[in-house]
Amino acid sequence: MKIDWAALGSVFGVSLSATVALVALFTLGLVGLSRHESATEQGGAATVARSGAYACFALCAVAVTYGIYLIIS
């Protein structure tokens, strides 16, 4: 049995990058919701923060759905 270490390293790198990107995107969504909440408490309107948070969560959902699609197909 021969292990292709280059391919194994490539898979590890891509999976690590995707994981870090998804965590960062989800964190940005949480920060956006937090800013929306603090702006609402101060009497301001923070629709941009809420829209950005929803966009981050939507991109996370799309990435997870695409990953599931790749696993199934």
PDB file of N, CA and C in Angstrom:
ATOM      1  N   MET A   1       0.844  -1.171   0.000  1.00  0.00           N
ATOM      2  CA  MET A   1       0.000   0.000   0.000  1.00  0.00           C
ATOM      3  C   MET A   1       0.896   1.244   0.000  1.00  0.00           C
ATOM      4  N   LYS A   2       0.563   2.159  -0.888  1.00  0.00           N
ATOM      5  CA  LYS A   2       1.359   3.365  -1.021  1.00  0.00           C
ATOM      6  C   LYS A   2       0.465   4.581  -0.737  1.00  0.00           C
ATOM      7  N   ILE A   3       0.901   5.442   0.149  1.00  0.00           N
ATOM      8  CA  ILE A   3       0.125   6.623   0.518  1.00  0.00           C
ATOM      9  C   ILE A   3       0.644   7.817  -0.278  1.00  0.00           C
ATOM     10  N   ASP A   4      -0.275   8.514  -0.912  1.00  0.00           N
ATOM     11  CA  ASP A   4       0.068   9.729  -1.646  1.00  0.00           C
ATOM     12  C   ASP A   4       0.004  10.906  -0.657  1.00  0.00           C
ATOM     13  N   TRP A   5       1.155  11.242  -0.084  1.00  0.00           N
ATOM     14  CA  TRP A   5       1.201  12.248   0.959  1.00  0.00           C
ATOM     15  C   TRP A   5       0.849  13.632   0.442  1.00  0.00           C
ATOM     16  N   ALA A   6       1.142  13.921  -0.797  1.00  0.00           N
ATOM     17  CA  ALA A   6       0.804  15.230  -1.365  1.00  0.00           C
ATOM     18  C   ALA A   6      -0.702  15.411  -1.445  1.00  0.00           C
ATOM     19  N   ALA A   7      -1.403  14.357  -1.886  1.00  0.00           N
ATOM     20  CA  ALA A   7      -2.859  14.433  -1.964  1.00  0.00           C
ATOM     21  C   ALA A   7      -3.473  14.524  -0.572  1.00  0.00           C
ATOM     22  N   LEU A   8      -2.928  13.791   0.365  1.00  0.00           N
ATOM     23  CA  LEU A   8      -3.423  13.835   1.736  1.00  0.00           C
ATOM     24  C   LEU A   8      -3.220  15.226   2.337  1.00  0.00           C
ATOM     25  N   GLY A   9      -2.076  15.817   2.091  1.00  0.00           N
ATOM     26  CA  GLY A   9      -1.821  17.179   2.562  1.00  0.00           C
ATOM     27  C   GLY A   9      -2.728  18.197   1.914  1.00  0.00           C
ATOM     28  N   SER A  10      -3.018  18.008   0.636  1.00  0.00           N
ATOM     29  CA  SER A  10      -3.919  18.908  -0.077  1.00  0.00           C
ATOM     30  C   SER A  10      -5.328  18.842   0.498  1.00  0.00           C
ATOM     31  N   VAL A  11      -5.807  17.650   0.761  1.00  0.00           N
ATOM     32  CA  VAL A  11      -7.142  17.483   1.342  1.00  0.00           C
ATOM     33  C   VAL A  11      -7.192  18.114   2.728  1.00  0.00           C
ATOM     34  N   PHE A  12      -6.141  17.922   3.516  1.00  0.00           N
ATOM     35  CA  PHE A  12      -6.080  18.514   4.842  1.00  0.00           C
ATOM     36  C   PHE A  12      -6.107  20.038   4.763  1.00  0.00           C
ATOM     37  N   GLY A  13      -5.337  20.599   3.840  1.00  0.00           N
ATOM     38  CA  GLY A  13      -5.290  22.054   3.695  1.00  0.00           C
ATOM     39  C   GLY A  13      -6.617  22.655   3.275  1.00  0.00           C
ATOM     40  N   VAL A  14      -7.276  22.002   2.330  1.00  0.00           N
ATOM     41  CA  VAL A  14      -8.561  22.512   1.856  1.00  0.00           C
ATOM     42  C   VAL A  14      -9.614  22.410   2.958  1.00  0.00           C
ATOM     43  N   SER A  15      -9.637  21.293   3.669  1.00  0.00           N
ATOM     44  CA  SER A  15     -10.635  21.138   4.724  1.00  0.00           C
ATOM     45  C   SER A  15     -10.378  22.113   5.870  1.00  0.00           C
ATOM     46  N   LEU A  16      -9.119  22.360   6.211  1.00  0.00           N
ATOM     47  CA  LEU A  16      -8.799  23.321   7.255  1.00  0.00           C
ATOM     48  C   LEU A  16      -9.195  24.736   6.834  1.00  0.00           C
ATOM     49  N   SER A  17      -8.918  25.076   5.589  1.00  0.00           N
ATOM     50  CA  SER A  17      -9.288  26.402   5.081  1.00  0.00           C
ATOM     51  C   SER A  17     -10.795  26.595   5.064  1.00  0.00           C
ATOM     52  N   ALA A  18     -11.525  25.589   4.627  1.00  0.00           N
ATOM     53  CA  ALA A  18     -12.977  25.694   4.590  1.00  0.00           C
ATOM     54  C   ALA A  18     -13.553  25.822   5.991  1.00  0.00           C
ATOM     55  N   THR A  19     -13.005  25.096   6.935  1.00  0.00           N
ATOM     56  CA  THR A  19     -13.484  25.177   8.307  1.00  0.00           C
ATOM     57  C   THR A  19     -13.237  26.555   8.899  1.00  0.00           C
ATOM     58  N   VAL A  20     -12.050  27.084   8.704  1.00  0.00           N
ATOM     59  CA  VAL A  20     -11.729  28.416   9.221  1.00  0.00           C
ATOM     60  C   VAL A  20     -12.618  29.473   8.558  1.00  0.00           C
ATOM     61  N   ALA A  21     -12.854  29.345   7.268  1.00  0.00           N
ATOM     62  CA  ALA A  21     -13.705  30.308   6.566  1.00  0.00           C
ATOM     63  C   ALA A  21     -15.140  30.264   7.078  1.00  0.00           C
ATOM     64  N   LEU A  22     -15.682  29.075   7.299  1.00  0.00           N
ATOM     65  CA  LEU A  22     -17.057  28.969   7.804  1.00  0.00           C
ATOM     66  C   LEU A  22     -17.176  29.516   9.218  1.00  0.00           C
ATOM     67  N   VAL A  23     -16.202  29.227  10.056  1.00  0.00           N
ATOM     68  CA  VAL A  23     -16.237  29.756  11.428  1.00  0.00           C
ATOM     69  C   VAL A  23     -16.138  31.282  11.411  1.00  0.00           C
ATOM     70  N   ALA A  24     -15.274  31.828  10.570  1.00  0.00           N
ATOM     71  CA  ALA A  24     -15.139  33.281  10.477  1.00  0.00           C
ATOM     72  C   ALA A  24     -16.421  33.919   9.954  1.00  0.00           C
ATOM     73  N   LEU A  25     -17.045  33.307   8.973  1.00  0.00           N
ATOM     74  CA  LEU A  25     -18.285  33.840   8.415  1.00  0.00           C
ATOM     75  C   LEU A  25     -19.400  33.812   9.447  1.00  0.00           C
ATOM     76  N   PHE A  26     -19.512  32.718  10.189  1.00  0.00           N
ATOM     77  CA  PHE A  26     -20.534  32.611  11.216  1.00  0.00           C
ATOM     78  C   PHE A  26     -20.285  33.633  12.334  1.00  0.00           C
ATOM     79  N   THR A  27     -19.008  33.836  12.682  1.00  0.00           N
ATOM     80  CA  THR A  27     -18.664  34.821  13.703  1.00  0.00           C
ATOM     81  C   THR A  27     -19.024  36.226  13.252  1.00  0.00           C
ATOM     82  N   LEU A  28     -18.797  36.535  11.987  1.00  0.00           N
ATOM     83  CA  LEU A  28     -19.207  37.843  11.459  1.00  0.00           C
ATOM     84  C   LEU A  28     -20.716  38.030  11.550  1.00  0.00           C
ATOM     85  N   GLY A  29     -21.466  36.963  11.307  1.00  0.00           N
ATOM     86  CA  GLY A  29     -22.914  37.039  11.457  1.00  0.00           C
ATOM     87  C   GLY A  29     -23.322  37.323  12.885  1.00  0.00           C
ATOM     88  N   LEU A  30     -22.675  36.679  13.833  1.00  0.00           N
ATOM     89  CA  LEU A  30     -22.987  36.920  15.241  1.00  0.00           C
ATOM     90  C   LEU A  30     -22.610  38.339  15.665  1.00  0.00           C
ATOM     91  N   VAL A  31     -21.496  38.836  15.166  1.00  0.00           N
ATOM     92  CA  VAL A  31     -21.090  40.210  15.472  1.00  0.00           C
ATOM     93  C   VAL A  31     -22.090  41.196  14.889  1.00  0.00           C
ATOM     94  N   GLY A  32     -22.570  40.923  13.693  1.00  0.00           N
ATOM     95  CA  GLY A  32     -23.576  41.800  13.077  1.00  0.00           C
ATOM     96  C   GLY A  32     -24.867  41.826  13.871  1.00  0.00           C
ATOM     97  N   LEU A  33     -25.308  40.685  14.357  1.00  0.00           N
ATOM     98  CA  LEU A  33     -26.513  40.652  15.186  1.00  0.00           C
ATOM     99  C   LEU A  33     -26.294  41.376  16.505  1.00  0.00           C
ATOM    100  N   SER A  34     -25.110  41.258  17.062  1.00  0.00           N
ATOM    101  CA  SER A  34     -24.790  41.948  18.309  1.00  0.00           C
ATOM    102  C   SER A  34     -24.807  43.461  18.116  1.00  0.00           C
ATOM    103  N   ARG A  35     -24.243  43.909  17.024  1.00  0.00           N
ATOM    104  CA  ARG A  35     -24.236  45.355  16.751  1.00  0.00           C
ATOM    105  C   ARG A  35     -25.645  45.872  16.479  1.00  0.00           C
ATOM    106  N   HIS A  36     -26.444  45.051  15.825  1.00  0.00           N
ATOM    107  CA  HIS A  36     -27.833  45.445  15.589  1.00  0.00           C
ATOM    108  C   HIS A  36     -28.566  45.593  16.914  1.00  0.00           C
ATOM    109  N   GLU A  37     -28.340  44.662  17.812  1.00  0.00           N
ATOM    110  CA  GLU A  37     -29.017  44.698  19.102  1.00  0.00           C
ATOM    111  C   GLU A  37     -28.571  45.900  19.935  1.00  0.00           C
ATOM    112  N   SER A  38     -27.278  46.186  19.944  1.00  0.00           N
ATOM    113  CA  SER A  38     -26.793  47.328  20.722  1.00  0.00           C
ATOM    114  C   SER A  38     -27.259  48.644  20.104  1.00  0.00           C
ATOM    115  N   ALA A  39     -27.351  48.724  18.802  1.00  0.00           N
ATOM    116  CA  ALA A  39     -27.834  49.954  18.157  1.00  0.00           C
ATOM    117  C   ALA A  39     -29.323  50.141  18.415  1.00  0.00           C
ATOM    118  N   THR A  40     -30.066  49.057  18.460  1.00  0.00           N
ATOM    119  CA  THR A  40     -31.500  49.153  18.739  1.00  0.00           C
ATOM    120  C   THR A  40     -31.737  49.630  20.168  1.00  0.00           C
ATOM    121  N   GLU A  41     -30.910  49.167  21.104  1.00  0.00           N
ATOM    122  CA  GLU A  41     -31.037  49.597  22.497  1.00  0.00           C
ATOM    123  C   GLU A  41     -30.743  51.081  22.653  1.00  0.00           C
ATOM    124  N   GLN A  42     -29.868  51.617  21.812  1.00  0.00           N
ATOM    125  CA  GLN A  42     -29.514  53.030  21.889  1.00  0.00           C
ATOM    126  C   GLN A  42     -30.480  53.899  21.094  1.00  0.00           C
ATOM    127  N   GLY A  43     -31.452  53.305  20.452  1.00  0.00           N
ATOM    128  CA  GLY A  43     -32.452  54.063  19.728  1.00  0.00           C
ATOM    129  C   GLY A  43     -32.153  54.267  18.258  1.00  0.00           C
ATOM    130  N   GLY A  44     -31.147  53.649  17.739  1.00  0.00           N
ATOM    131  CA  GLY A  44     -30.796  53.800  16.328  1.00  0.00           C
ATOM    132  C   GLY A  44     -31.324  52.644  15.495  1.00  0.00           C
ATOM    133  N   ALA A  45     -31.252  52.826  14.200  1.00  0.00           N
ATOM    134  CA  ALA A  45     -31.654  51.765  13.277  1.00  0.00           C
ATOM    135  C   ALA A  45     -30.399  51.171  12.661  1.00  0.00           C
ATOM    136  N   ALA A  46     -30.251  49.886  12.783  1.00  0.00           N
ATOM    137  CA  ALA A  46     -29.048  49.229  12.269  1.00  0.00           C
ATOM    138  C   ALA A  46     -29.442  48.161  11.263  1.00  0.00           C
ATOM    139  N   THR A  47     -30.107  48.560  10.208  1.00  0.00           N
ATOM    140  CA  THR A  47     -30.552  47.590   9.207  1.00  0.00           C
ATOM    141  C   THR A  47     -29.385  47.017   8.420  1.00  0.00           C
ATOM    142  N   VAL A  48     -28.313  47.789   8.280  1.00  0.00           N
ATOM    143  CA  VAL A  48     -27.145  47.294   7.553  1.00  0.00           C
ATOM    144  C   VAL A  48     -26.490  46.148   8.330  1.00  0.00           C
ATOM    145  N   ALA A  49     -26.388  46.296   9.650  1.00  0.00           N
ATOM    146  CA  ALA A  49     -25.800  45.240  10.478  1.00  0.00           C
ATOM    147  C   ALA A  49     -26.646  43.974  10.418  1.00  0.00           C
ATOM    148  N   ARG A  50     -27.963  44.138  10.482  1.00  0.00           N
ATOM    149  CA  ARG A  50     -28.848  42.975  10.425  1.00  0.00           C
ATOM    150  C   ARG A  50     -28.793  42.324   9.053  1.00  0.00           C
ATOM    151  N   SER A  51     -28.786  43.109   8.007  1.00  0.00           N
ATOM    152  CA  SER A  51     -28.708  42.557   6.653  1.00  0.00           C
ATOM    153  C   SER A  51     -27.388  41.835   6.417  1.00  0.00           C
ATOM    154  N   GLY A  52     -26.298  42.411   6.917  1.00  0.00           N
ATOM    155  CA  GLY A  52     -25.001  41.764   6.792  1.00  0.00           C
ATOM    156  C   GLY A  52     -24.943  40.441   7.556  1.00  0.00           C
ATOM    157  N   ALA A  53     -25.555  40.420   8.739  1.00  0.00           N
ATOM    158  CA  ALA A  53     -25.586  39.189   9.529  1.00  0.00           C
ATOM    159  C   ALA A  53     -26.390  38.118   8.805  1.00  0.00           C
ATOM    160  N   TYR A  54     -27.527  38.488   8.265  1.00  0.00           N
ATOM    161  CA  TYR A  54     -28.342  37.517   7.531  1.00  0.00           C
ATOM    162  C   TYR A  54     -27.614  37.014   6.284  1.00  0.00           C
ATOM    163  N   ALA A  55     -26.873  37.898   5.629  1.00  0.00           N
ATOM    164  CA  ALA A  55     -26.110  37.483   4.454  1.00  0.00           C
ATOM    165  C   ALA A  55     -25.006  36.496   4.845  1.00  0.00           C
ATOM    166  N   CYS A  56     -24.351  36.742   5.975  1.00  0.00           N
ATOM    167  CA  CYS A  56     -23.318  35.810   6.444  1.00  0.00           C
ATOM    168  C   CYS A  56     -23.917  34.450   6.760  1.00  0.00           C
ATOM    169  N   PHE A  57     -25.057  34.436   7.435  1.00  0.00           N
ATOM    170  CA  PHE A  57     -25.704  33.168   7.757  1.00  0.00           C
ATOM    171  C   PHE A  57     -26.175  32.449   6.498  1.00  0.00           C
ATOM    172  N   ALA A  58     -26.640  33.214   5.519  1.00  0.00           N
ATOM    173  CA  ALA A  58     -27.076  32.601   4.258  1.00  0.00           C
ATOM    174  C   ALA A  58     -25.880  31.977   3.520  1.00  0.00           C
ATOM    175  N   LEU A  59     -24.753  32.662   3.515  1.00  0.00           N
ATOM    176  CA  LEU A  59     -23.552  32.106   2.875  1.00  0.00           C
ATOM    177  C   LEU A  59     -23.070  30.852   3.599  1.00  0.00           C
ATOM    178  N   CYS A  60     -23.191  30.832   4.921  1.00  0.00           N
ATOM    179  CA  CYS A  60     -22.851  29.620   5.676  1.00  0.00           C
ATOM    180  C   CYS A  60     -23.756  28.468   5.269  1.00  0.00           C
ATOM    181  N   ALA A  61     -25.046  28.748   5.162  1.00  0.00           N
ATOM    182  CA  ALA A  61     -25.994  27.702   4.775  1.00  0.00           C
ATOM    183  C   ALA A  61     -25.706  27.190   3.366  1.00  0.00           C
ATOM    184  N   VAL A  62     -25.360  28.089   2.453  1.00  0.00           N
ATOM    185  CA  VAL A  62     -25.030  27.683   1.093  1.00  0.00           C
ATOM    186  C   VAL A  62     -23.775  26.810   1.077  1.00  0.00           C
ATOM    187  N   ALA A  63     -22.758  27.196   1.848  1.00  0.00           N
ATOM    188  CA  ALA A  63     -21.518  26.415   1.887  1.00  0.00           C
ATOM    189  C   ALA A  63     -21.759  25.028   2.470  1.00  0.00           C
ATOM    190  N   VAL A  64     -22.557  24.939   3.522  1.00  0.00           N
ATOM    191  CA  VAL A  64     -22.852  23.637   4.121  1.00  0.00           C
ATOM    192  C   VAL A  64     -23.665  22.781   3.158  1.00  0.00           C
ATOM    193  N   THR A  65     -24.638  23.387   2.490  1.00  0.00           N
ATOM    194  CA  THR A  65     -25.448  22.654   1.520  1.00  0.00           C
ATOM    195  C   THR A  65     -24.584  22.141   0.369  1.00  0.00           C
ATOM    196  N   TYR A  66     -23.666  22.961  -0.103  1.00  0.00           N
ATOM    197  CA  TYR A  66     -22.773  22.526  -1.183  1.00  0.00           C
ATOM    198  C   TYR A  66     -21.865  21.382  -0.711  1.00  0.00           C
ATOM    199  N   GLY A  67     -21.391  21.467   0.519  1.00  0.00           N
ATOM    200  CA  GLY A  67     -20.580  20.367   1.054  1.00  0.00           C
ATOM    201  C   GLY A  67     -21.343  19.071   1.141  1.00  0.00           C
ATOM    202  N   ILE A  68     -22.601  19.150   1.574  1.00  0.00           N
ATOM    203  CA  ILE A  68     -23.434  17.954   1.625  1.00  0.00           C
ATOM    204  C   ILE A  68     -23.681  17.404   0.217  1.00  0.00           C
ATOM    205  N   TYR A  69     -23.893  18.318  -0.732  1.00  0.00           N
ATOM    206  CA  TYR A  69     -24.078  17.901  -2.113  1.00  0.00           C
ATOM    207  C   TYR A  69     -22.842  17.154  -2.634  1.00  0.00           C
ATOM    208  N   LEU A  70     -21.643  17.675  -2.307  1.00  0.00           N
ATOM    209  CA  LEU A  70     -20.411  17.009  -2.756  1.00  0.00           C
ATOM    210  C   LEU A  70     -20.258  15.632  -2.114  1.00  0.00           C
ATOM    211  N   ILE A  71     -20.672  15.487  -0.880  1.00  0.00           N
ATOM    212  CA  ILE A  71     -20.571  14.188  -0.217  1.00  0.00           C
ATOM    213  C   ILE A  71     -21.548  13.202  -0.821  1.00  0.00           C
ATOM    214  N   ILE A  72     -22.750  13.636  -1.125  1.00  0.00           N
ATOM    215  CA  ILE A  72     -23.789  12.736  -1.647  1.00  0.00           C
ATOM    216  C   ILE A  72     -23.489  12.297  -3.071  1.00  0.00           C
ATOM    217  N   SER A  73     -23.025  13.229  -3.903  1.00  0.00           N
ATOM    218  CA  SER A  73     -22.842  12.892  -5.321  1.00  0.00           C
ATOM    219  C   SER A  73     -21.572  12.152  -5.622  1.00  0.00           C
TER     220      SER A  73
END
